[in-house]
């Protein structure tokens, strides 16, 4: 129904690979749940993103340029 009115579908609570595959086959655009990560506090999330960000911060390279 969401797709028929041009909305994205996001599923919460994906815990197994089978659930994720089922959701994907049935048009789910994005998922979250224990399959991907345990619940994280704000600080844990910040550290997770810092530790796993594939794009390195280039701000220091350009800080002295004008």
Protein backbone atom coordinates (compact mmCIF):
# COMPACT_ATOMS: atom_id res chain seq x y z
CA UNK A 1 0.00 0.00 0.00
CA UNK A 2 2.81 2.44 0.84
CA UNK A 3 4.42 1.89 -2.55
CA UNK A 4 1.14 2.76 -4.28
CA UNK A 5 1.34 6.26 -2.79
CA UNK A 6 5.09 6.58 -3.42
CA UNK A 7 6.28 6.06 0.17
CA UNK A 8 9.33 4.15 1.33
CA UNK A 9 8.77 1.06 3.45
CA UNK A 10 10.91 0.64 6.58
CA UNK A 11 10.67 -2.48 8.75
CA UNK A 12 11.63 -2.51 12.42
CA UNK A 13 12.55 -5.71 14.21
CA UNK A 14 14.41 -7.77 11.60
CA UNK A 15 16.16 -10.43 13.65
CA UNK A 16 17.03 -13.18 11.18
CA UNK A 17 18.41 -13.40 7.66
CA UNK A 18 15.21 -15.19 6.62
CA UNK A 19 13.10 -12.28 7.85
CA UNK A 20 15.30 -9.79 6.02
CA UNK A 21 15.07 -11.78 2.79
CA UNK A 22 11.29 -12.02 3.12
CA UNK A 23 10.99 -8.29 3.74
CA UNK A 24 13.24 -7.45 0.80
CA UNK A 25 11.34 -9.78 -1.55
CA UNK A 26 8.12 -8.07 -0.51
CA UNK A 27 9.26 -4.54 -1.27
CA UNK A 28 10.76 -3.34 1.99
CA UNK A 29 13.24 -0.54 1.27
CA UNK A 30 15.07 -0.41 4.61
CA UNK A 31 15.25 -2.47 7.79
CA UNK A 32 16.51 -2.23 11.31
CA UNK A 33 16.76 -4.73 14.11
CA UNK A 34 19.06 -7.08 15.98
CA UNK A 35 20.15 -8.68 12.71
CA UNK A 36 22.09 -5.49 12.02
CA UNK A 37 22.98 -4.23 15.49
CA UNK A 38 22.04 -4.46 19.12
CA UNK A 39 20.43 -1.40 20.69
CA UNK A 40 23.03 1.35 21.11
CA UNK A 41 23.12 4.41 23.33
CA UNK A 42 23.83 7.75 21.67
CA UNK A 43 27.50 7.58 22.65
CA UNK A 44 27.80 3.99 21.44
CA UNK A 45 26.26 5.00 18.11
CA UNK A 46 28.70 7.89 17.70
CA UNK A 47 31.64 5.57 18.39
CA UNK A 48 30.23 2.91 16.06
CA UNK A 49 29.91 5.40 13.21
CA UNK A 50 33.40 6.78 13.84
CA UNK A 51 34.92 3.29 13.91
CA UNK A 52 33.04 2.03 10.84
CA UNK A 53 32.78 5.07 8.59
CA UNK A 54 34.24 4.18 5.18
CA UNK A 55 34.58 7.85 4.29
CA UNK A 56 37.53 9.37 6.09
CA UNK A 57 37.19 12.87 7.48
CA UNK A 58 39.15 15.20 5.22
CA UNK A 59 38.40 18.38 7.16
CA UNK A 60 41.92 18.60 8.63
CA UNK A 61 43.45 18.52 5.16
CA UNK A 62 41.57 21.65 4.19
CA UNK A 63 41.57 23.58 7.47
CA UNK A 64 44.69 25.58 6.56
CA UNK A 65 43.60 26.33 3.00
CA UNK A 66 42.03 29.66 2.11
